[in-house]
All heavy atoms as atom14 arrays in JSON, in Angstrom:
{
  "sequence": "WFRQIPGKEREFVASISRGGSSIAYGDSVKGRFTISRDNVENTAYLQM",
  "atom14_mask": [
    [1, 1, 1, 1, 1, 1, 1, 1, 1, 1, 1, 1, 1, 1],
    [1, 1, 1, 1, 1, 1, 1, 1, 1, 1, 1, 0, 0, 0],
    [1, 1, 1, 1, 1, 1, 1, 1, 1, 1, 1, 0, 0, 0],
    [1, 1, 1, 1, 1, 1, 1, 1, 1, 0, 0, 0, 0, 0],
    [1, 1, 1, 1, 1, 1, 1, 1, 0, 0, 0, 0, 0, 0],
    [1, 1, 1, 1, 1, 1, 1, 0, 0, 0, 0, 0, 0, 0],
    [1, 1, 1, 1, 0, 0, 0, 0, 0, 0, 0, 0, 0, 0],
    [1, 1, 1, 1, 1, 1, 1, 1, 1, 0, 0, 0, 0, 0],
    [1, 1, 1, 1, 1, 1, 1, 1, 1, 0, 0, 0, 0, 0],
    [1, 1, 1, 1, 1, 1, 1, 1, 1, 1, 1, 0, 0, 0],
    [1, 1, 1, 1, 1, 1, 1, 1, 1, 0, 0, 0, 0, 0],
    [1, 1, 1, 1, 1, 1, 1, 1, 1, 1, 1, 0, 0, 0],
    [1, 1, 1, 1, 1, 1, 1, 0, 0, 0, 0, 0, 0, 0],
    [1, 1, 1, 1, 1, 0, 0, 0, 0, 0, 0, 0, 0, 0],
    [1, 1, 1, 1, 1, 1, 0, 0, 0, 0, 0, 0, 0, 0],
    [1, 1, 1, 1, 1, 1, 1, 1, 0, 0, 0, 0, 0, 0],
    [1, 1, 1, 1, 1, 1, 0, 0, 0, 0, 0, 0, 0, 0],
    [1, 1, 1, 1, 1, 1, 1, 1, 1, 1, 1, 0, 0, 0],
    [1, 1, 1, 1, 0, 0, 0, 0, 0, 0, 0, 0, 0, 0],
    [1, 1, 1, 1, 0, 0, 0, 0, 0, 0, 0, 0, 0, 0],
    [1, 1, 1, 1, 1, 1, 0, 0, 0, 0, 0, 0, 0, 0],
    [1, 1, 1, 1, 1, 1, 0, 0, 0, 0, 0, 0, 0, 0],
    [1, 1, 1, 1, 1, 1, 1, 1, 0, 0, 0, 0, 0, 0],
    [1, 1, 1, 1, 1, 0, 0, 0, 0, 0, 0, 0, 0, 0],
    [1, 1, 1, 1, 1, 1, 1, 1, 1, 1, 1, 1, 0, 0],
    [1, 1, 1, 1, 0, 0, 0, 0, 0, 0, 0, 0, 0, 0],
    [1, 1, 1, 1, 1, 1, 1, 1, 0, 0, 0, 0, 0, 0],
    [1, 1, 1, 1, 1, 1, 0, 0, 0, 0, 0, 0, 0, 0],
    [1, 1, 1, 1, 1, 1, 1, 0, 0, 0, 0, 0, 0, 0],
    [1, 1, 1, 1, 1, 1, 1, 1, 1, 0, 0, 0, 0, 0],
    [1, 1, 1, 1, 0, 0, 0, 0, 0, 0, 0, 0, 0, 0],
    [1, 1, 1, 1, 1, 1, 1, 1, 1, 1, 1, 0, 0, 0],
    [1, 1, 1, 1, 1, 1, 1, 1, 1, 1, 1, 0, 0, 0],
    [1, 1, 1, 1, 1, 1, 1, 0, 0, 0, 0, 0, 0, 0],
    [1, 1, 1, 1, 1, 1, 1, 1, 0, 0, 0, 0, 0, 0],
    [1, 1, 1, 1, 1, 1, 0, 0, 0, 0, 0, 0, 0, 0],
    [1, 1, 1, 1, 1, 1, 1, 1, 1, 1, 1, 0, 0, 0],
    [1, 1, 1, 1, 1, 1, 1, 1, 0, 0, 0, 0, 0, 0],
    [1, 1, 1, 1, 1, 1, 1, 1, 0, 0, 0, 0, 0, 0],
    [1, 1, 1, 1, 1, 1, 1, 0, 0, 0, 0, 0, 0, 0],
    [1, 1, 1, 1, 1, 1, 1, 1, 1, 0, 0, 0, 0, 0],
    [1, 1, 1, 1, 1, 1, 1, 1, 0, 0, 0, 0, 0, 0],
    [1, 1, 1, 1, 1, 1, 1, 0, 0, 0, 0, 0, 0, 0],
    [1, 1, 1, 1, 1, 0, 0, 0, 0, 0, 0, 0, 0, 0],
    [1, 1, 1, 1, 1, 1, 1, 1, 1, 1, 1, 1, 0, 0],
    [1, 1, 1, 1, 1, 1, 1, 1, 0, 0, 0, 0, 0, 0],
    [1, 1, 1, 1, 1, 1, 1, 1, 1, 0, 0, 0, 0, 0],
    [1, 1, 1, 1, 1, 1, 1, 1, 0, 0, 0, 0, 0, 0]
  ],
  "atom14_positions": [
    [[-10.63, -63.95, -37.86], [-10.53, -64.57, -36.55], [-11.84, -64.34, -35.8], [-12.35, -63.21, -35.78], [-9.38, -64.0, -35.73], [-8.02, -64.44, -36.17], [-7.17, -63.78, -37.01], [-7.35, -65.64, -35.78], [-6.01, -64.48, -37.16], [-6.08, -65.64, -36.42], [-7.68, -66.71, -34.96], [-5.16, -66.67, -36.26], [-6.77, -67.75, -34.8], [-5.52, -67.71, -35.45]],
    [[-12.34, -65.39, -35.22], [-13.54, -65.34, -34.4], [-13.26, -66.02, -33.07], [-12.31, -66.8, -32.95], [-14.72, -66.04, -35.09], [-15.2, -65.35, -36.34], [-14.52, -65.49, -37.54], [-16.33, -64.56, -36.3], [-14.95, -64.86, -38.68], [-16.78, -63.92, -37.45], [-16.09, -64.07, -38.63], [0.0, 0.0, 0.0], [0.0, 0.0, 0.0], [0.0, 0.0, 0.0]],
    [[-14.07, -65.73, -32.09], [-13.94, -66.41, -30.81], [-15.32, -66.76, -30.28], [-16.31, -66.12, -30.61], [-13.18, -65.56, -29.8], [-13.86, -64.26, -29.4], [-12.93, -63.43, -28.53], [-13.56, -62.22, -28.04], [-12.93, -61.28, -27.34], [-11.64, -61.43, -27.05], [-13.59, -60.2, -26.93], [0.0, 0.0, 0.0], [0.0, 0.0, 0.0], [0.0, 0.0, 0.0]],
    [[-15.36, -67.79, -29.45], [-16.63, -68.27, -28.94], [-16.49, -68.74, -27.5], [-15.57, -69.49, -27.18], [-17.18, -69.4, -29.8], [-18.6, -69.8, -29.46], [-19.25, -70.62, -30.55], [-18.56, -71.31, -31.31], [-20.56, -70.54, -30.65], [0.0, 0.0, 0.0], [0.0, 0.0, 0.0], [0.0, 0.0, 0.0], [0.0, 0.0, 0.0], [0.0, 0.0, 0.0]],
    [[-17.4, -68.29, -26.67], [-17.53, -68.74, -25.29], [-18.75, -69.65, -25.23], [-19.77, -69.36, -25.86], [-17.71, -67.54, -24.34], [-16.49, -66.61, -24.43], [-17.93, -67.99, -22.91], [-16.66, -65.3, -23.7], [0.0, 0.0, 0.0], [0.0, 0.0, 0.0], [0.0, 0.0, 0.0], [0.0, 0.0, 0.0], [0.0, 0.0, 0.0], [0.0, 0.0, 0.0]],
    [[-18.66, -70.76, -24.49], [-19.82, -71.66, -24.41], [-21.09, -70.92, -24.01], [-21.1, -70.13, -23.07], [-19.41, -72.67, -23.35], [-17.92, -72.71, -23.45], [-17.51, -71.29, -23.76], [0.0, 0.0, 0.0], [0.0, 0.0, 0.0], [0.0, 0.0, 0.0], [0.0, 0.0, 0.0], [0.0, 0.0, 0.0], [0.0, 0.0, 0.0], [0.0, 0.0, 0.0]],
    [[-22.16, -71.17, -24.75], [-23.43, -70.54, -24.48], [-23.62, -69.17, -25.1], [-24.69, -68.58, -24.94], [0.0, 0.0, 0.0], [0.0, 0.0, 0.0], [0.0, 0.0, 0.0], [0.0, 0.0, 0.0], [0.0, 0.0, 0.0], [0.0, 0.0, 0.0], [0.0, 0.0, 0.0], [0.0, 0.0, 0.0], [0.0, 0.0, 0.0], [0.0, 0.0, 0.0]],
    [[-22.61, -68.67, -25.8], [-22.7, -67.36, -26.42], [-22.48, -67.47, -27.93], [-21.94, -68.46, -28.42], [-21.67, -66.4, -25.82], [-21.85, -66.16, -24.33], [-20.87, -65.13, -23.82], [-21.17, -63.75, -24.38], [-20.27, -62.71, -23.81], [0.0, 0.0, 0.0], [0.0, 0.0, 0.0], [0.0, 0.0, 0.0], [0.0, 0.0, 0.0], [0.0, 0.0, 0.0]],
    [[-22.92, -66.45, -28.62], [-22.74, -66.4, -30.07], [-21.27, -66.24, -30.42], [-20.5, -65.64, -29.66], [-23.55, -65.25, -30.66], [-25.05, -65.36, -30.48], [-25.67, -66.37, -31.4], [-25.04, -66.73, -32.42], [-26.8, -66.81, -31.11], [0.0, 0.0, 0.0], [0.0, 0.0, 0.0], [0.0, 0.0, 0.0], [0.0, 0.0, 0.0], [0.0, 0.0, 0.0]],
    [[-20.91, -66.79, -31.54], [-19.56, -66.6, -32.03], [-19.34, -65.12, -32.35], [-20.17, -64.48, -32.99], [-19.33, -67.46, -33.27], [-17.91, -67.45, -33.78], [-17.68, -68.56, -34.8], [-17.87, -69.88, -34.22], [-17.68, -71.01, -34.87], [-17.31, -70.99, -36.14], [-17.9, -72.17, -34.26], [0.0, 0.0, 0.0], [0.0, 0.0, 0.0], [0.0, 0.0, 0.0]],
    [[-18.23, -64.59, -31.9], [-17.95, -63.17, -31.98], [-16.85, -62.88, -32.99], [-15.8, -63.53, -33.0], [-17.54, -62.64, -30.6], [-17.19, -61.17, -30.57], [-16.65, -60.72, -29.23], [-16.31, -61.59, -28.39], [-16.56, -59.5, -29.01], [0.0, 0.0, 0.0], [0.0, 0.0, 0.0], [0.0, 0.0, 0.0], [0.0, 0.0, 0.0], [0.0, 0.0, 0.0]],
    [[-17.08, -61.88, -33.81], [-16.07, -61.43, -34.75], [-14.94, -60.73, -34.02], [-15.17, -59.88, -33.15], [-16.7, -60.46, -35.76], [-15.71, -59.75, -36.62], [-15.04, -60.42, -37.64], [-15.44, -58.41, -36.43], [-14.12, -59.78, -38.45], [-14.53, -57.75, -37.23], [-13.87, -58.44, -38.24], [0.0, 0.0, 0.0], [0.0, 0.0, 0.0], [0.0, 0.0, 0.0]],
    [[-13.71, -61.09, -34.36], [-12.53, -60.51, -33.74], [-11.78, -59.61, -34.71], [-11.52, -58.44, -34.42], [-11.59, -61.6, -33.19], [-10.31, -60.99, -32.65], [-12.3, -62.41, -32.1], [0.0, 0.0, 0.0], [0.0, 0.0, 0.0], [0.0, 0.0, 0.0], [0.0, 0.0, 0.0], [0.0, 0.0, 0.0], [0.0, 0.0, 0.0], [0.0, 0.0, 0.0]],
    [[-11.43, -60.15, -35.87], [-10.63, -59.4, -36.83], [-10.7, -60.07, -38.18], [-10.97, -61.27, -38.28], [-9.18, -59.27, -36.37], [0.0, 0.0, 0.0], [0.0, 0.0, 0.0], [0.0, 0.0, 0.0], [0.0, 0.0, 0.0], [0.0, 0.0, 0.0], [0.0, 0.0, 0.0], [0.0, 0.0, 0.0], [0.0, 0.0, 0.0], [0.0, 0.0, 0.0]],
    [[-10.42, -59.32, -39.23], [-10.36, -59.87, -40.57], [-9.34, -59.11, -41.39], [-9.02, -57.96, -41.1], [-11.73, -59.83, -41.26], [-12.16, -58.5, -41.45], [0.0, 0.0, 0.0], [0.0, 0.0, 0.0], [0.0, 0.0, 0.0], [0.0, 0.0, 0.0], [0.0, 0.0, 0.0], [0.0, 0.0, 0.0], [0.0, 0.0, 0.0], [0.0, 0.0, 0.0]],
    [[-8.86, -59.78, -42.43], [-7.86, -59.19, -43.3], [-8.09, -59.7, -44.71], [-8.38, -60.88, -44.93], [-6.43, -59.52, -42.79], [-5.37, -58.78, -43.61], [-6.19, -61.03, -42.78], [-3.99, -58.85, -42.97], [0.0, 0.0, 0.0], [0.0, 0.0, 0.0], [0.0, 0.0, 0.0], [0.0, 0.0, 0.0], [0.0, 0.0, 0.0], [0.0, 0.0, 0.0]],
    [[-7.96, -58.82, -45.68], [-8.21, -59.17, -47.07], [-7.05, -59.97, -47.64], [-6.02, -60.17, -47.0], [-8.46, -57.91, -47.9], [-7.32, -57.05, -47.86], [0.0, 0.0, 0.0], [0.0, 0.0, 0.0], [0.0, 0.0, 0.0], [0.0, 0.0, 0.0], [0.0, 0.0, 0.0], [0.0, 0.0, 0.0], [0.0, 0.0, 0.0], [0.0, 0.0, 0.0]],
    [[-7.22, -60.42, -48.87], [-6.24, -61.31, -49.5], [-4.82, -60.75, -49.48], [-3.87, -61.45, -49.14], [-6.66, -61.63, -50.93], [-7.89, -62.51, -51.06], [-8.18, -62.78, -52.53], [-9.31, -63.69, -52.71], [-10.56, -63.29, -52.84], [-10.86, -62.0, -52.84], [-11.53, -64.19, -52.99], [0.0, 0.0, 0.0], [0.0, 0.0, 0.0], [0.0, 0.0, 0.0]],
    [[-4.69, -59.5, -49.86], [-3.38, -58.88, -49.9], [-3.01, -58.14, -48.64], [-1.9, -57.59, -48.57], [0.0, 0.0, 0.0], [0.0, 0.0, 0.0], [0.0, 0.0, 0.0], [0.0, 0.0, 0.0], [0.0, 0.0, 0.0], [0.0, 0.0, 0.0], [0.0, 0.0, 0.0], [0.0, 0.0, 0.0], [0.0, 0.0, 0.0], [0.0, 0.0, 0.0]],
    [[-3.9, -58.09, -47.67], [-3.61, -57.44, -46.41], [-3.92, -55.96, -46.36], [-3.65, -55.31, -45.35], [0.0, 0.0, 0.0], [0.0, 0.0, 0.0], [0.0, 0.0, 0.0], [0.0, 0.0, 0.0], [0.0, 0.0, 0.0], [0.0, 0.0, 0.0], [0.0, 0.0, 0.0], [0.0, 0.0, 0.0], [0.0, 0.0, 0.0], [0.0, 0.0, 0.0]],
    [[-4.5, -55.41, -47.42], [-4.73, -53.97, -47.47], [-5.99, -53.54, -46.74], [-6.12, -52.36, -46.4], [-4.79, -53.5, -48.92], [-5.85, -54.13, -49.62], [0.0, 0.0, 0.0], [0.0, 0.0, 0.0], [0.0, 0.0, 0.0], [0.0, 0.0, 0.0], [0.0, 0.0, 0.0], [0.0, 0.0, 0.0], [0.0, 0.0, 0.0], [0.0, 0.0, 0.0]],
    [[-6.92, -54.44, -46.51], [-8.17, -54.12, -45.83], [-8.25, -54.93, -44.55], [-8.23, -56.16, -44.57], [-9.36, -54.42, -46.74], [-10.58, -54.09, -46.1], [0.0, 0.0, 0.0], [0.0, 0.0, 0.0], [0.0, 0.0, 0.0], [0.0, 0.0, 0.0], [0.0, 0.0, 0.0], [0.0, 0.0, 0.0], [0.0, 0.0, 0.0], [0.0, 0.0, 0.0]],
    [[-8.36, -54.23, -43.42], [-8.36, -54.86, -42.1], [-9.51, -54.3, -41.28], [-9.81, -53.11, -41.34], [-7.01, -54.62, -41.39], [-5.88, -55.34, -42.12], [-7.08, -55.06, -39.94], [-4.5, -55.04, -41.58], [0.0, 0.0, 0.0], [0.0, 0.0, 0.0], [0.0, 0.0, 0.0], [0.0, 0.0, 0.0], [0.0, 0.0, 0.0], [0.0, 0.0, 0.0]],
    [[-10.13, -55.16, -40.51], [-11.21, -54.73, -39.63], [-11.09, -55.45, -38.29], [-10.58, -56.58, -38.22], [-12.57, -55.01, -40.25], [0.0, 0.0, 0.0], [0.0, 0.0, 0.0], [0.0, 0.0, 0.0], [0.0, 0.0, 0.0], [0.0, 0.0, 0.0], [0.0, 0.0, 0.0], [0.0, 0.0, 0.0], [0.0, 0.0, 0.0], [0.0, 0.0, 0.0]],
    [[-11.56, -54.78, -37.23], [-11.52, -55.34, -35.89], [-12.87, -55.2, -35.22], [-13.61, -54.25, -35.46], [-10.49, -54.64, -35.01], [-9.07, -54.82, -35.47], [-8.43, -53.84, -36.22], [-8.36, -55.98, -35.15], [-7.12, -54.01, -36.64], [-7.05, -56.15, -35.57], [-6.44, -55.16, -36.31], [-5.14, -55.34, -36.73], [0.0, 0.0, 0.0], [0.0, 0.0, 0.0]],
    [[-13.18, -56.16, -34.36], [-14.33, -56.0, -33.5], [-14.07, -54.94, -32.46], [-12.94, -54.7, -32.04], [0.0, 0.0, 0.0], [0.0, 0.0, 0.0], [0.0, 0.0, 0.0], [0.0, 0.0, 0.0], [0.0, 0.0, 0.0], [0.0, 0.0, 0.0], [0.0, 0.0, 0.0], [0.0, 0.0, 0.0], [0.0, 0.0, 0.0], [0.0, 0.0, 0.0]],
    [[-15.15, -54.3, -32.02], [-15.01, -53.2, -31.08], [-14.33, -53.62, -29.77], [-13.6, -52.83, -29.16], [-16.38, -52.6, -30.76], [-16.97, -51.84, -31.93], [-16.22, -51.46, -32.84], [-18.2, -51.62, -31.92], [0.0, 0.0, 0.0], [0.0, 0.0, 0.0], [0.0, 0.0, 0.0], [0.0, 0.0, 0.0], [0.0, 0.0, 0.0], [0.0, 0.0, 0.0]],
    [[-14.55, -54.84, -29.35], [-14.02, -55.27, -28.07], [-12.52, -55.5, -28.07], [-11.91, -55.58, -27.0], [-14.74, -56.55, -27.62], [-14.49, -57.61, -28.53], [0.0, 0.0, 0.0], [0.0, 0.0, 0.0], [0.0, 0.0, 0.0], [0.0, 0.0, 0.0], [0.0, 0.0, 0.0], [0.0, 0.0, 0.0], [0.0, 0.0, 0.0], [0.0, 0.0, 0.0]],
    [[-11.91, -55.6, -29.24], [-10.48, -55.88, -29.31], [-9.69, -54.78, -30.0], [-8.45, -54.83, -30.01], [-10.21, -57.23, -30.02], [-10.98, -58.36, -29.36], [-10.54, -57.14, -31.51], [0.0, 0.0, 0.0], [0.0, 0.0, 0.0], [0.0, 0.0, 0.0], [0.0, 0.0, 0.0], [0.0, 0.0, 0.0], [0.0, 0.0, 0.0], [0.0, 0.0, 0.0]],
    [[-10.37, -53.82, -30.55], [-9.7, -52.75, -31.28], [-8.71, -52.02, -30.37], [-9.04, -51.63, -29.26], [-10.73, -51.78, -31.85], [-10.16, -50.78, -32.83], [-11.25, -49.95, -33.47], [-10.71, -49.0, -34.51], [-11.79, -48.21, -35.16], [0.0, 0.0, 0.0], [0.0, 0.0, 0.0], [0.0, 0.0, 0.0], [0.0, 0.0, 0.0], [0.0, 0.0, 0.0]],
    [[-7.51, -51.85, -30.87], [-6.47, -51.2, -30.1], [-5.62, -52.15, -29.3], [-4.55, -51.76, -28.81], [0.0, 0.0, 0.0], [0.0, 0.0, 0.0], [0.0, 0.0, 0.0], [0.0, 0.0, 0.0], [0.0, 0.0, 0.0], [0.0, 0.0, 0.0], [0.0, 0.0, 0.0], [0.0, 0.0, 0.0], [0.0, 0.0, 0.0], [0.0, 0.0, 0.0]],
    [[-6.05, -53.38, -29.14], [-5.31, -54.38, -28.39], [-4.81, -55.52, -29.25], [-3.75, -56.08, -28.98], [-6.16, -54.95, -27.26], [-6.61, -53.92, -26.24], [-7.3, -54.59, -25.05], [-8.51, -55.29, -25.46], [-8.73, -56.58, -25.24], [-7.82, -57.33, -24.62], [-9.87, -57.14, -25.63], [0.0, 0.0, 0.0], [0.0, 0.0, 0.0], [0.0, 0.0, 0.0]],
    [[-5.58, -55.9, -30.26], [-5.24, -57.02, -31.12], [-4.8, -56.51, -32.49], [-5.27, -55.47, -32.97], [-6.44, -57.95, -31.32], [-6.86, -58.72, -30.1], [-6.32, -58.46, -28.85], [-7.81, -59.72, -30.21], [-6.72, -59.17, -27.72], [-8.22, -60.44, -29.1], [-7.67, -60.16, -27.86], [0.0, 0.0, 0.0], [0.0, 0.0, 0.0], [0.0, 0.0, 0.0]],
    [[-3.93, -57.27, -33.13], [-3.46, -56.95, -34.47], [-3.49, -58.2, -35.34], [-2.9, -59.21, -34.97], [-2.04, -56.38, -34.45], [-1.99, -55.21, -33.62], [-1.6, -56.0, -35.86], [0.0, 0.0, 0.0], [0.0, 0.0, 0.0], [0.0, 0.0, 0.0], [0.0, 0.0, 0.0], [0.0, 0.0, 0.0], [0.0, 0.0, 0.0], [0.0, 0.0, 0.0]],
    [[-4.16, -58.11, -36.46], [-4.19, -59.21, -37.41], [-3.17, -58.94, -38.52], [-2.97, -57.8, -38.93], [-5.61, -59.41, -38.0], [-5.67, -60.69, -38.82], [-6.04, -58.2, -38.82], [-7.09, -61.07, -39.27], [0.0, 0.0, 0.0], [0.0, 0.0, 0.0], [0.0, 0.0, 0.0], [0.0, 0.0, 0.0], [0.0, 0.0, 0.0], [0.0, 0.0, 0.0]],
    [[-2.53, -59.99, -38.97], [-1.57, -59.87, -40.06], [-1.52, -61.19, -40.82], [-2.12, -62.18, -40.4], [-0.17, -59.51, -39.52], [0.32, -60.51, -38.66], [0.0, 0.0, 0.0], [0.0, 0.0, 0.0], [0.0, 0.0, 0.0], [0.0, 0.0, 0.0], [0.0, 0.0, 0.0], [0.0, 0.0, 0.0], [0.0, 0.0, 0.0], [0.0, 0.0, 0.0]],
    [[-0.81, -61.18, -41.94], [-0.69, -62.41, -42.71], [0.63, -62.43, -43.45], [1.2, -61.38, -43.78], [-1.87, -62.55, -43.69], [-1.92, -61.51, -44.78], [-3.23, -61.6, -45.56], [-3.38, -62.9, -46.21], [-4.53, -63.41, -46.63], [-5.65, -62.71, -46.46], [-4.57, -64.6, -47.21], [0.0, 0.0, 0.0], [0.0, 0.0, 0.0], [0.0, 0.0, 0.0]],
    [[1.09, -63.63, -43.71], [2.3, -63.86, -44.49], [1.92, -64.88, -45.56], [1.84, -66.08, -45.28], [3.43, -64.37, -43.61], [4.74, -64.5, -44.35], [4.73, -64.67, -45.59], [5.8, -64.43, -43.69], [0.0, 0.0, 0.0], [0.0, 0.0, 0.0], [0.0, 0.0, 0.0], [0.0, 0.0, 0.0], [0.0, 0.0, 0.0], [0.0, 0.0, 0.0]],
    [[1.67, -64.4, -46.76], [1.2, -65.29, -47.81], [2.29, -66.23, -48.31], [1.98, -67.27, -48.91], [0.62, -64.48, -48.96], [-0.73, -63.88, -48.63], [-1.42, -64.36, -47.74], [-1.12, -62.84, -49.35], [0.0, 0.0, 0.0], [0.0, 0.0, 0.0], [0.0, 0.0, 0.0], [0.0, 0.0, 0.0], [0.0, 0.0, 0.0], [0.0, 0.0, 0.0]],
    [[3.55, -65.88, -48.1], [4.63, -66.79, -48.46], [4.63, -67.99, -47.53], [4.82, -69.14, -47.95], [5.98, -66.07, -48.44], [7.12, -67.06, -48.68], [6.01, -64.96, -49.47], [0.0, 0.0, 0.0], [0.0, 0.0, 0.0], [0.0, 0.0, 0.0], [0.0, 0.0, 0.0], [0.0, 0.0, 0.0], [0.0, 0.0, 0.0], [0.0, 0.0, 0.0]],
    [[4.42, -67.74, -46.25], [4.35, -68.81, -45.26], [2.97, -69.45, -45.17], [2.8, -70.42, -44.42], [4.74, -68.28, -43.89], [6.21, -67.9, -43.76], [7.11, -69.11, -43.79], [6.69, -70.19, -43.33], [8.25, -68.99, -44.27], [0.0, 0.0, 0.0], [0.0, 0.0, 0.0], [0.0, 0.0, 0.0], [0.0, 0.0, 0.0], [0.0, 0.0, 0.0]],
    [[2.0, -68.92, -45.89], [0.62, -69.43, -45.82], [0.09, -69.41, -44.39], [-0.54, -70.36, -43.93], [0.52, -70.84, -46.39], [0.45, -70.86, -47.9], [-0.05, -69.93, -48.53], [0.92, -71.95, -48.5], [0.0, 0.0, 0.0], [0.0, 0.0, 0.0], [0.0, 0.0, 0.0], [0.0, 0.0, 0.0], [0.0, 0.0, 0.0], [0.0, 0.0, 0.0]],
    [[0.34, -68.32, -43.72], [-0.03, -68.2, -42.32], [-0.6, -66.83, -42.02], [-0.09, -65.82, -42.51], [1.19, -68.45, -41.41], [1.77, -69.73, -41.71], [0.79, -68.42, -39.95], [0.0, 0.0, 0.0], [0.0, 0.0, 0.0], [0.0, 0.0, 0.0], [0.0, 0.0, 0.0], [0.0, 0.0, 0.0], [0.0, 0.0, 0.0], [0.0, 0.0, 0.0]],
    [[-1.66, -66.8, -41.24], [-2.22, -65.58, -40.69], [-1.99, -65.56, -39.19], [-1.89, -66.62, -38.55], [-3.7, -65.45, -41.01], [0.0, 0.0, 0.0], [0.0, 0.0, 0.0], [0.0, 0.0, 0.0], [0.0, 0.0, 0.0], [0.0, 0.0, 0.0], [0.0, 0.0, 0.0], [0.0, 0.0, 0.0], [0.0, 0.0, 0.0], [0.0, 0.0, 0.0]],
    [[-1.92, -64.38, -38.63], [-1.6, -64.22, -37.22], [-2.6, -63.31, -36.53], [-3.22, -62.45, -37.15], [-0.2, -63.63, -37.04], [0.9, -64.44, -37.66], [1.34, -64.17, -38.95], [1.49, -65.49, -36.96], [2.35, -64.91, -39.53], [2.5, -66.24, -37.53], [2.93, -65.95, -38.82], [3.94, -66.7, -39.39], [0.0, 0.0, 0.0], [0.0, 0.0, 0.0]],
    [[-2.71, -63.52, -35.24], [-3.46, -62.61, -34.39], [-2.61, -62.33, -33.16], [-2.44, -63.2, -32.31], [-4.81, -63.21, -33.98], [-5.71, -62.29, -33.16], [-6.21, -61.13, -34.03], [-6.88, -63.05, -32.56], [0.0, 0.0, 0.0], [0.0, 0.0, 0.0], [0.0, 0.0, 0.0], [0.0, 0.0, 0.0], [0.0, 0.0, 0.0], [0.0, 0.0, 0.0]],
    [[-2.05, -61.13, -33.11], [-1.29, -60.7, -31.95], [-2.26, -60.11, -30.94], [-2.98, -59.16, -31.24], [-0.24, -59.67, -32.35], [0.57, -59.12, -31.19], [1.47, -60.16, -30.56], [2.14, -60.9, -31.26], [1.47, -60.22, -29.23], [0.0, 0.0, 0.0], [0.0, 0.0, 0.0], [0.0, 0.0, 0.0], [0.0, 0.0, 0.0], [0.0, 0.0, 0.0]],
    [[-2.27, -60.65, -29.74], [-3.19, -60.24, -28.7], [-2.4, -59.66, -27.54], [-1.62, -60.37, -26.9], [-4.05, -61.42, -28.24], [-4.79, -62.11, -29.37], [-5.91, -63.41, -28.79], [-4.72, -64.57, -28.1], [0.0, 0.0, 0.0], [0.0, 0.0, 0.0], [0.0, 0.0, 0.0], [0.0, 0.0, 0.0], [0.0, 0.0, 0.0], [0.0, 0.0, 0.0]]
  ]
}
C-alpha cells in the first residue's frame, strides 16, 4: 500500500509477503495501520 499527496512523492505505507509472514510498515503509520490479506478472497486490506 502506498499513498500520494499532490506535489509530493509517493509514500510507502505497508507491505505484506505472498503468504503473509513478512510485513512492513512506514514509520508514519506504524502502530495505527494494519495490513492483511485473504488469498482465498484474492483481497488485501489496510485497516487504518
